[in-house]
Amino acid sequence: MAVTHRTLSVAVESSFGSLKSSTGIPDPSTSGLSYVSIPCERDPIIIAGEPVASERLDARDGNFLIPPEPDTVFSSGSRVRRRTGQIVCRVDLTTVGTSANNYTSNYLGHLLGAGLKTRIPSVTSDTATDLRAVVEVQDAGPNNDDVGTIIGAELNGRAEYSAITDDDVSGEVTVSPAFSSAFTGSKTVRHLQTWYIPGRNATGTREHSLSFRVDGVNFRSYAYGCVLESLSITLDNGRLMGEFTYQAALIQDDHGNASGPIEPTYNAGSPPFFRGAYVVASSTSPTSLTDATTGDTLARTALDVEDFSLTLTNTLTPMGHSNSILAMSDMEISDVVVELTLSLSTVNTAINDDYFNRTLRQIIVGTGPVGDGLGCAIMLPAAQLSVDPSAYDVSGNDIVRQQLTYNQSRYGGDVSGSNATNSPFRLGLGI
């Protein structure tokens, strides 16, 4: 008898599917994959999948079935077991803390990079000595490659976030949306590693693909060629939880080499909480269907948000290929849809006409705390409403609520940059 205690580990693949060049089949003993055990919830950790097979519908002389033909390859004269399916893991977004300055070797960086691109800022923090019109930070730290990345600071005991829109304004860094007030004295600005949906010529790209391994007593399973299909971020008593769903090109078992569960590696930071921070909408519309010549500098409006959820869904299109067990050479991200839903406990009448006026807003959801290796923010730099916000939610027996549901739209308010510049969606984590 064995219990089903199990852990999930993840590794970045150097090539899609981790195929052994001499066989076209993954080999965990020679793949060179470096697995990191994830501190995720146990219940979703199941790598089962289904065999890919061609059903036999031959003519027959009675009521019986003929075994299906497995869609796989042969090795040493025998069919190789092949399954495909999904891998799901649910984990909070605990940051790295002060022990590291990026997520390159971290499980969160691995998970996010299988569906998004990322930019590691050129500096982790620096000092702002001035703030002009609450939109321009005098700051010599970042460079043009950091345009589009998220920054954070603590003002009046709250975590606030914005994004760099230009780094070429008389030695100043232009940001949008605005911070709540001018910086006084020497204020520390935190630069967050930012994951983003790439646009323009980089559309459809990502950092890498993944391999997963489930370990337990008397069982071990691998998944190869895994790409992010969806990410859902919700609240659990204020704590941000991310549910990641991946599509695997190949699932195989290796029960003969099972060694039991692997203790997860925990990050040294803090889980982001929907406390001590703001949800901010820009007071006016961002640059959208054109490209700006100077970075956007939009004023802010704080929203009374009691709950939110975000879903990012990638449309994955296999790049068909016949020369390996994967039956594909990669999985292309052919489309992305982001949906951000905000539940407001105080109606904001300024937004009531946005749907019918086709008005866009910058939306940034902040969390606390912010600091060295801390902080998390979600941003739609050009958000379009998909429902009418003037149809208030009066279904309860307590207060009137306003539901705002946004999708990403085209953004063109970043200038003089690359990487996350003009990305339609961004997620930042403290470094």
Protein backbone atom coordinates (compact mmCIF):
# COMPACT_ATOMS: atom_id res chain seq x y z
CA MET A 1 0.00 0.00 0.00
CA ALA A 2 1.19 3.53 -0.76
CA VAL A 3 -0.30 6.95 -0.06
CA THR A 4 -0.73 9.53 -2.79
CA HIS A 5 1.43 12.30 -1.35
CA ARG A 6 2.81 13.97 -4.46
CA THR A 7 4.84 16.93 -5.58
CA LEU A 8 5.24 18.77 -8.87
CA SER A 9 8.59 19.87 -10.24
CA VAL A 10 9.28 22.02 -13.28
CA ALA A 11 12.25 22.48 -15.60
CA VAL A 12 12.96 24.77 -18.54
CA GLU A 13 13.52 22.87 -21.78
CA SER A 14 16.52 23.78 -23.91
CA SER A 15 14.52 22.63 -26.94
CA PHE A 16 10.83 21.91 -27.36
CA GLY A 17 9.95 18.46 -26.04
CA SER A 18 13.48 17.66 -24.75
CA LEU A 19 14.01 15.11 -27.52
CA LYS A 20 17.11 12.94 -27.58
CA SER A 21 18.78 13.58 -30.93
CA SER A 22 19.61 9.91 -31.56
CA THR A 23 16.09 8.58 -30.95
CA GLY A 24 13.61 11.46 -31.25
CA ILE A 25 12.24 10.40 -27.83
CA PRO A 26 12.75 12.20 -24.48
CA ASP A 27 15.04 10.43 -22.03
CA PRO A 28 14.87 11.85 -18.47
CA SER A 29 18.22 10.27 -17.58
CA THR A 30 20.08 12.17 -20.33
CA SER A 31 17.88 15.21 -20.95
CA GLY A 32 19.90 17.58 -18.77
CA LEU A 33 16.72 19.04 -17.30
CA SER A 34 17.10 20.77 -13.93
CA TYR A 35 13.83 20.34 -12.02
CA VAL A 36 12.65 22.68 -9.25
CA SER A 37 9.94 21.45 -6.87
CA ILE A 38 7.00 23.90 -6.79
CA PRO A 39 5.15 24.87 -3.57
CA CYS A 40 1.76 24.43 -5.22
CA GLU A 41 -1.53 23.02 -4.00
CA ARG A 42 -1.54 19.23 -3.96
CA ASP A 43 -4.99 18.41 -5.31
CA PRO A 44 -4.50 19.59 -8.93
CA ILE A 45 -1.18 17.70 -9.25
CA ILE A 46 -2.19 14.95 -11.61
CA ILE A 47 -0.48 14.11 -14.90
CA ALA A 48 -2.68 11.54 -16.52
CA GLY A 49 -3.44 12.49 -20.09
CA GLU A 50 -5.02 10.31 -22.74
CA PRO A 51 -3.45 8.07 -25.38
CA VAL A 52 -3.69 9.37 -28.93
CA ALA A 53 -5.20 6.65 -31.08
CA SER A 54 -6.97 5.97 -34.37
CA GLU A 55 -10.19 4.04 -33.90
CA ARG A 56 -10.68 0.90 -36.04
CA LEU A 57 -14.06 1.05 -37.73
CA ASP A 58 -13.51 -2.01 -39.93
CA ALA A 59 -16.31 -4.10 -41.37
CA ARG A 60 -17.09 -6.95 -38.99
CA ASP A 61 -19.30 -10.02 -38.78
CA GLY A 62 -20.68 -9.35 -35.32
CA ASN A 63 -21.13 -6.95 -32.44
CA PHE A 64 -17.56 -6.48 -31.24
CA LEU A 65 -14.80 -3.90 -31.33
CA ILE A 66 -11.30 -3.93 -32.77
CA PRO A 67 -8.47 -2.47 -30.67
CA PRO A 68 -7.56 1.10 -31.72
CA GLU A 69 -4.22 1.91 -33.36
CA PRO A 70 -2.05 4.01 -31.01
CA ASP A 71 -0.64 7.11 -32.70
CA THR A 72 3.00 6.79 -31.71
CA VAL A 73 6.44 5.68 -32.85
CA PHE A 74 8.32 2.41 -32.57
CA SER A 75 11.56 1.89 -30.65
CA SER A 76 13.44 -1.42 -30.76
CA GLY A 77 10.45 -2.95 -32.51
CA SER A 78 7.85 -1.93 -29.89
CA ARG A 79 5.35 0.93 -29.66
CA VAL A 80 6.40 3.74 -27.33
CA ARG A 81 3.76 4.79 -24.83
CA ARG A 82 2.42 8.23 -25.73
CA ARG A 83 -0.23 10.36 -24.02
CA THR A 84 -1.14 14.02 -24.26
CA GLY A 85 -3.14 16.26 -21.96
CA GLN A 86 -3.12 19.16 -19.55
CA ILE A 87 -1.08 19.93 -16.45
CA VAL A 88 -2.65 22.22 -13.86
CA CYS A 89 -0.97 23.80 -10.85
CA ARG A 90 -2.27 26.37 -8.36
CA VAL A 91 0.27 28.50 -6.55
CA ASP A 92 0.42 31.89 -4.90
CA LEU A 93 2.76 34.51 -6.36
CA THR A 94 5.23 34.69 -3.47
CA THR A 95 8.16 36.80 -4.62
CA VAL A 96 11.88 36.04 -4.43
CA GLY A 97 12.73 38.35 -1.53
CA THR A 98 16.20 39.78 -1.00
CA SER A 99 18.07 36.57 -1.82
CA ALA A 100 17.77 36.92 -5.60
CA ASN A 101 17.41 39.74 -8.11
CA ASN A 102 15.44 37.98 -10.84
CA TYR A 103 13.32 34.90 -11.58
CA THR A 104 15.61 33.22 -14.12
CA SER A 105 16.13 30.11 -11.96
CA ASN A 106 12.87 30.43 -10.04
CA TYR A 107 9.74 28.34 -10.46
CA LEU A 108 7.57 31.46 -10.99
CA GLY A 109 9.82 32.60 -13.81
CA HIS A 110 9.63 29.10 -15.30
CA LEU A 111 5.82 28.99 -15.08
CA LEU A 112 5.22 32.46 -16.53
CA GLY A 113 7.87 32.20 -19.23
CA ALA A 114 6.09 29.29 -20.91
CA GLY A 115 3.43 31.67 -22.18
CA LEU A 116 4.88 35.17 -21.93
CA LYS A 117 8.06 37.14 -22.59
CA THR A 118 9.91 38.87 -19.76
CA ARG A 119 12.17 41.82 -19.14
CA ILE A 120 14.60 41.87 -16.23
CA PRO A 121 15.10 45.57 -15.40
CA SER A 122 18.59 46.99 -15.75
CA VAL A 123 18.42 48.04 -12.07
CA THR A 124 16.48 46.59 -9.15
CA SER A 125 15.92 49.94 -7.43
CA ASP A 126 17.04 53.54 -7.49
CA THR A 127 16.21 56.89 -5.99
CA ALA A 128 13.78 59.44 -7.32
CA THR A 129 14.55 62.97 -6.14
CA ASP A 130 11.66 64.71 -7.84
CA LEU A 131 8.29 64.02 -9.36
CA ARG A 132 6.98 66.50 -11.90
CA ALA A 133 3.24 66.90 -12.26
CA VAL A 134 2.98 63.53 -10.54
CA VAL A 135 3.92 61.78 -13.78
CA GLU A 136 7.65 62.22 -14.45
CA VAL A 137 10.23 60.63 -12.15
CA GLN A 138 13.76 62.08 -12.10
CA ASP A 139 15.68 58.87 -12.14
CA ALA A 140 18.97 57.86 -13.80
CA GLY A 141 18.72 54.12 -13.26
CA PRO A 142 16.71 52.50 -16.09
CA ASN A 143 17.39 52.65 -19.82
CA ASN A 144 15.38 52.43 -23.02
CA ASP A 145 15.22 48.65 -22.79
CA ASP A 146 13.18 49.06 -19.61
CA VAL A 147 10.38 51.05 -21.24
CA GLY A 148 7.11 49.24 -20.60
CA THR A 149 8.23 47.64 -17.33
CA ILE A 150 6.35 48.15 -14.08
CA ILE A 151 7.77 50.18 -11.19
CA GLY A 152 6.58 50.51 -7.62
CA ALA A 153 7.03 52.77 -4.62
CA GLU A 154 5.54 53.25 -1.17
CA LEU A 155 3.64 56.49 -0.70
CA ASN A 156 1.78 57.31 2.50
CA GLY A 157 2.09 53.72 3.65
CA ARG A 158 0.55 52.25 0.48
CA ALA A 159 2.07 50.36 -2.39
CA GLU A 160 1.69 52.22 -5.67
CA TYR A 161 2.62 51.10 -9.16
CA SER A 162 3.05 52.58 -12.60
CA ALA A 163 4.91 51.76 -15.82
CA ILE A 164 7.74 53.45 -17.67
CA THR A 165 6.60 55.06 -20.93
CA ASP A 166 9.76 56.96 -21.95
CA ASP A 167 13.37 57.20 -20.79
CA ASP A 168 14.49 60.11 -22.87
CA VAL A 169 12.91 63.22 -21.34
CA SER A 170 15.83 65.41 -20.25
CA GLY A 171 17.27 62.68 -18.05
CA GLU A 172 13.90 61.82 -16.58
CA VAL A 173 11.76 58.72 -16.68
CA THR A 174 8.19 59.26 -17.78
CA VAL A 175 5.56 57.03 -16.21
CA SER A 176 1.85 56.40 -16.56
CA PRO A 177 -0.54 56.30 -14.81
CA ALA A 178 0.46 58.91 -12.27
CA PHE A 179 1.37 58.29 -8.68
CA SER A 180 -0.98 59.71 -6.07
CA SER A 181 1.26 62.59 -5.05
CA ALA A 182 4.65 64.11 -5.52
CA PHE A 183 7.65 62.33 -4.05
CA THR A 184 9.23 64.18 -1.15
CA GLY A 185 12.89 63.86 -0.32
CA SER A 186 14.73 60.85 -1.73
CA LYS A 187 12.19 58.19 -2.55
CA THR A 188 13.14 54.59 -3.39
CA VAL A 189 11.65 53.35 -6.64
CA ARG A 190 11.42 49.57 -7.10
CA HIS A 191 11.76 48.06 -10.56
CA LEU A 192 9.74 44.90 -11.08
CA GLN A 193 10.62 42.09 -13.43
CA THR A 194 7.84 42.29 -15.97
CA TRP A 195 6.20 39.50 -17.97
CA TYR A 196 4.24 40.66 -20.98
CA ILE A 197 2.33 39.71 -24.09
CA PRO A 198 4.72 40.55 -26.92
CA GLY A 199 3.39 42.60 -29.80
CA ARG A 200 4.30 43.83 -33.22
CA ASN A 201 7.01 41.64 -34.80
CA ALA A 202 7.37 39.53 -31.63
CA THR A 203 3.71 38.47 -31.53
CA GLY A 204 3.24 34.84 -30.50
CA THR A 205 6.66 34.39 -28.90
CA ARG A 206 7.45 33.21 -25.38
CA GLU A 207 10.55 32.61 -23.30
CA HIS A 208 10.61 28.78 -23.33
CA SER A 209 8.68 25.53 -23.04
CA LEU A 210 8.60 23.39 -19.91
CA SER A 211 8.85 19.86 -18.64
CA PHE A 212 6.96 18.78 -15.52
CA ARG A 213 7.56 15.83 -13.22
CA VAL A 214 5.16 14.41 -10.65
CA ASP A 215 6.80 12.45 -7.83
CA GLY A 216 5.16 10.19 -5.28
CA VAL A 217 5.55 6.86 -3.53
CA ASN A 218 5.84 4.21 -6.27
CA PHE A 219 4.92 6.58 -9.08
CA ARG A 220 6.63 9.15 -11.30
CA SER A 221 5.32 10.81 -14.45
CA TYR A 222 6.81 13.29 -16.91
CA ALA A 223 5.26 15.83 -19.24
CA TYR A 224 7.28 17.35 -22.08
CA GLY A 225 6.76 20.23 -24.48
CA CYS A 226 4.45 22.13 -22.12
CA VAL A 227 3.16 25.58 -23.09
CA LEU A 228 0.88 27.87 -21.07
CA GLU A 229 -2.73 27.59 -22.18
CA SER A 230 -4.31 29.76 -19.51
CA LEU A 231 -3.55 31.70 -16.34
CA SER A 232 -6.26 32.60 -13.87
CA ILE A 233 -5.50 34.96 -10.97
CA THR A 234 -8.08 35.13 -8.18
CA LEU A 235 -8.21 36.06 -4.51
CA ASP A 236 -8.17 33.66 -1.56
CA ASN A 237 -8.94 35.83 1.48
CA GLY A 238 -6.94 38.61 -0.09
CA ARG A 239 -4.03 36.43 -1.24
CA LEU A 240 -3.37 36.35 -4.97
CA MET A 241 -3.53 32.79 -6.32
CA GLY A 242 -2.50 31.83 -9.82
CA GLU A 243 -3.91 28.74 -11.53
CA PHE A 244 -1.68 27.75 -14.44
CA THR A 245 -2.89 25.35 -17.12
CA TYR A 246 -0.44 23.90 -19.63
CA GLN A 247 -0.89 21.80 -22.74
CA ALA A 248 1.65 18.97 -22.94
CA ALA A 249 2.91 17.53 -26.20
CA LEU A 250 3.88 14.25 -24.52
CA ILE A 251 3.16 12.54 -21.19
CA GLN A 252 5.02 9.40 -20.10
CA ASP A 253 5.46 7.38 -16.91
CA ASP A 254 8.69 6.33 -15.26
CA HIS A 255 7.34 4.45 -12.25
CA GLY A 256 10.39 2.18 -12.09
CA ASN A 257 12.54 5.15 -11.02
CA ALA A 258 10.10 6.61 -8.51
CA SER A 259 11.80 8.01 -5.40
CA GLY A 260 8.91 9.65 -3.54
CA PRO A 261 7.81 13.28 -3.16
CA ILE A 262 10.35 16.11 -3.33
CA GLU A 263 10.18 18.88 -0.72
CA PRO A 264 9.20 22.12 -2.49
CA THR A 265 11.58 25.06 -2.75
CA TYR A 266 9.93 28.10 -1.15
CA ASN A 267 10.58 31.70 -2.14
CA ALA A 268 11.89 34.06 0.51
CA GLY A 269 9.58 36.98 -0.28
CA SER A 270 5.95 37.51 0.64
CA PRO A 271 2.72 36.47 -1.06
CA PRO A 272 1.06 39.47 -2.71
CA PHE A 273 -2.10 40.52 -0.88
CA PHE A 274 -4.90 42.69 -2.16
CA ARG A 275 -4.28 44.99 0.76
CA GLY A 276 -2.37 48.23 1.27
CA ALA A 277 -2.48 49.13 -2.42
CA TYR A 278 -4.72 50.66 -5.07
CA VAL A 279 -6.57 49.71 -8.21
CA VAL A 280 -6.05 52.66 -10.52
CA ALA A 281 -7.72 53.71 -13.76
CA SER A 282 -6.37 56.51 -15.90
CA SER A 283 -8.51 59.65 -15.87
CA THR A 284 -8.28 59.93 -19.68
CA SER A 285 -7.69 57.54 -22.55
CA PRO A 286 -4.23 56.23 -23.42
CA THR A 287 -2.70 56.33 -26.87
CA SER A 288 -4.10 53.33 -28.68
CA LEU A 289 -4.61 53.08 -32.44
CA THR A 290 -1.62 55.32 -33.19
CA ASP A 291 1.95 55.39 -31.85
CA ALA A 292 2.92 58.24 -29.53
CA THR A 293 5.98 60.42 -30.10
CA THR A 294 6.27 61.16 -26.37
CA GLY A 295 5.40 58.72 -23.62
CA ASP A 296 1.92 58.81 -22.14
CA THR A 297 1.60 60.67 -18.82
CA LEU A 298 -1.97 60.08 -17.70
CA ALA A 299 -3.55 61.20 -14.45
CA ARG A 300 -5.04 58.59 -12.15
CA THR A 301 -8.34 57.76 -10.54
CA ALA A 302 -8.39 55.30 -7.64
CA LEU A 303 -11.24 52.77 -7.74
CA ASP A 304 -12.99 51.21 -4.73
CA VAL A 305 -12.47 47.58 -5.76
CA GLU A 306 -13.50 44.84 -3.35
CA ASP A 307 -12.65 41.90 -5.60
CA PHE A 308 -11.05 41.16 -8.93
CA SER A 309 -10.15 38.27 -11.18
CA LEU A 310 -7.98 37.96 -14.26
CA THR A 311 -7.88 35.31 -16.94
CA LEU A 312 -5.30 35.09 -19.70
CA THR A 313 -6.09 32.53 -22.40
CA ASN A 314 -3.61 31.54 -25.11
CA THR A 315 -4.80 29.90 -28.31
CA LEU A 316 -2.21 27.20 -28.97
CA THR A 317 -1.66 25.94 -32.51
CA PRO A 318 0.61 22.88 -32.92
CA MET A 319 3.28 23.18 -35.61
CA GLY A 320 2.71 19.76 -37.17
CA HIS A 321 5.79 17.62 -37.73
CA SER A 322 6.14 13.92 -38.43
CA ASN A 323 9.72 13.19 -37.44
CA SER A 324 9.29 12.58 -33.72
CA ILE A 325 6.90 11.14 -31.16
CA LEU A 326 5.62 14.68 -30.44
CA ALA A 327 3.94 14.97 -33.86
CA MET A 328 4.86 18.65 -33.73
CA SER A 329 7.93 20.86 -33.68
CA ASP A 330 6.41 23.46 -31.36
CA MET A 331 3.17 25.03 -30.18
CA GLU A 332 2.55 28.52 -31.51
CA ILE A 333 0.61 31.09 -29.50
CA SER A 334 -1.68 32.23 -32.30
CA ASP A 335 -3.96 34.46 -30.22
CA VAL A 336 -4.34 35.81 -26.68
CA VAL A 337 -7.36 37.09 -24.78
CA VAL A 338 -7.05 38.79 -21.40
CA GLU A 339 -10.12 39.45 -19.28
CA LEU A 340 -9.94 41.52 -16.10
CA THR A 341 -13.06 41.79 -13.96
CA LEU A 342 -13.32 44.38 -11.19
CA SER A 343 -16.11 44.49 -8.61
CA LEU A 344 -16.54 48.03 -7.27
CA SER A 345 -18.16 48.62 -3.90
CA THR A 346 -18.60 52.32 -4.76
CA VAL A 347 -20.02 53.20 -8.15
CA ASN A 348 -17.72 55.34 -10.31
CA THR A 349 -20.06 57.39 -12.48
CA ALA A 350 -17.21 58.77 -14.62
CA ILE A 351 -16.90 55.33 -16.22
CA ASN A 352 -20.63 54.83 -16.89
CA ASP A 353 -20.47 55.98 -20.52
CA ASP A 354 -17.17 54.32 -21.41
CA TYR A 355 -18.70 51.31 -23.16
CA PHE A 356 -20.93 53.30 -25.52
CA ASN A 357 -18.27 55.98 -26.08
CA ARG A 358 -15.63 53.29 -26.80
CA THR A 359 -13.40 54.90 -24.17
CA LEU A 360 -10.19 53.13 -23.20
CA ARG A 361 -8.49 53.35 -19.81
CA GLN A 362 -5.22 52.32 -18.33
CA ILE A 363 -5.89 49.86 -15.51
CA ILE A 364 -3.33 48.77 -12.95
CA VAL A 365 -4.06 46.45 -10.03
CA GLY A 366 -1.58 46.80 -7.20
CA THR A 367 -0.85 44.61 -4.19
CA GLY A 368 1.03 44.98 -0.98
CA PRO A 369 3.68 44.98 0.18
CA VAL A 370 6.23 46.65 -2.10
CA GLY A 371 9.93 46.62 -1.29
CA ASP A 372 13.20 44.79 -1.84
CA GLY A 373 12.16 41.55 -3.57
CA LEU A 374 8.50 42.29 -2.85
CA GLY A 375 5.51 43.51 -4.81
CA CYS A 376 3.17 42.44 -7.59
CA ALA A 377 1.09 44.42 -10.07
CA ILE A 378 -1.11 43.60 -13.05
CA MET A 379 -1.56 46.12 -15.85
CA LEU A 380 -3.69 46.61 -18.94
CA PRO A 381 -2.17 49.77 -20.46
CA ALA A 382 -5.13 50.11 -22.86
CA ALA A 383 -8.23 48.41 -21.49
CA GLN A 384 -11.54 48.21 -23.34
CA LEU A 385 -14.85 47.43 -21.67
CA SER A 386 -16.74 44.37 -22.84
CA VAL A 387 -19.88 45.04 -20.74
CA ASP A 388 -21.90 48.14 -19.93
CA PRO A 389 -20.72 49.48 -16.53
CA SER A 390 -23.90 51.53 -16.09
CA ALA A 391 -25.89 48.32 -15.58
CA TYR A 392 -25.29 48.19 -11.84
CA ASP A 393 -25.32 44.95 -9.88
CA VAL A 394 -28.36 45.12 -7.58
CA SER A 395 -28.77 41.38 -7.17
CA GLY A 396 -27.74 41.33 -3.51
CA ASN A 397 -29.52 42.57 -0.44
CA ASP A 398 -26.82 44.93 0.76
CA ILE A 399 -25.16 47.52 -1.49
CA VAL A 400 -25.16 48.54 -5.15
CA ARG A 401 -22.08 47.29 -6.95
CA GLN A 402 -20.52 48.11 -10.30
CA GLN A 403 -18.94 45.39 -12.41
CA LEU A 404 -16.18 46.36 -14.83
CA THR A 405 -15.00 43.74 -17.32
CA TYR A 406 -12.02 44.72 -19.46
CA ASN A 407 -10.10 43.14 -22.33
CA GLN A 408 -6.74 44.23 -23.65
CA SER A 409 -6.69 46.67 -26.55
CA ARG A 410 -3.86 48.02 -28.68
CA TYR A 411 -1.47 50.32 -26.82
CA GLY A 412 0.88 52.83 -28.42
CA GLY A 413 1.84 55.15 -25.55
CA ASP A 414 5.39 53.85 -24.98
CA VAL A 415 8.29 55.30 -26.96
CA SER A 416 12.04 54.85 -27.40
CA GLY A 417 12.10 51.31 -26.12
CA SER A 418 11.98 47.60 -26.89
CA ASN A 419 11.02 44.41 -25.01
CA ALA A 420 7.80 45.27 -23.07
CA THR A 421 7.29 48.51 -25.01
CA ASN A 422 3.61 48.87 -26.01
CA SER A 423 2.73 45.44 -24.68
CA PRO A 424 -1.06 45.09 -24.16
CA PHE A 425 -0.69 43.15 -20.88
CA ARG A 426 1.93 43.12 -18.12
CA LEU A 427 2.52 41.37 -14.82
CA GLY A 428 5.30 42.59 -12.55
CA LEU A 429 6.97 40.82 -9.61
CA GLY A 430 9.39 42.40 -7.16
CA ILE A 431 13.13 41.75 -7.40
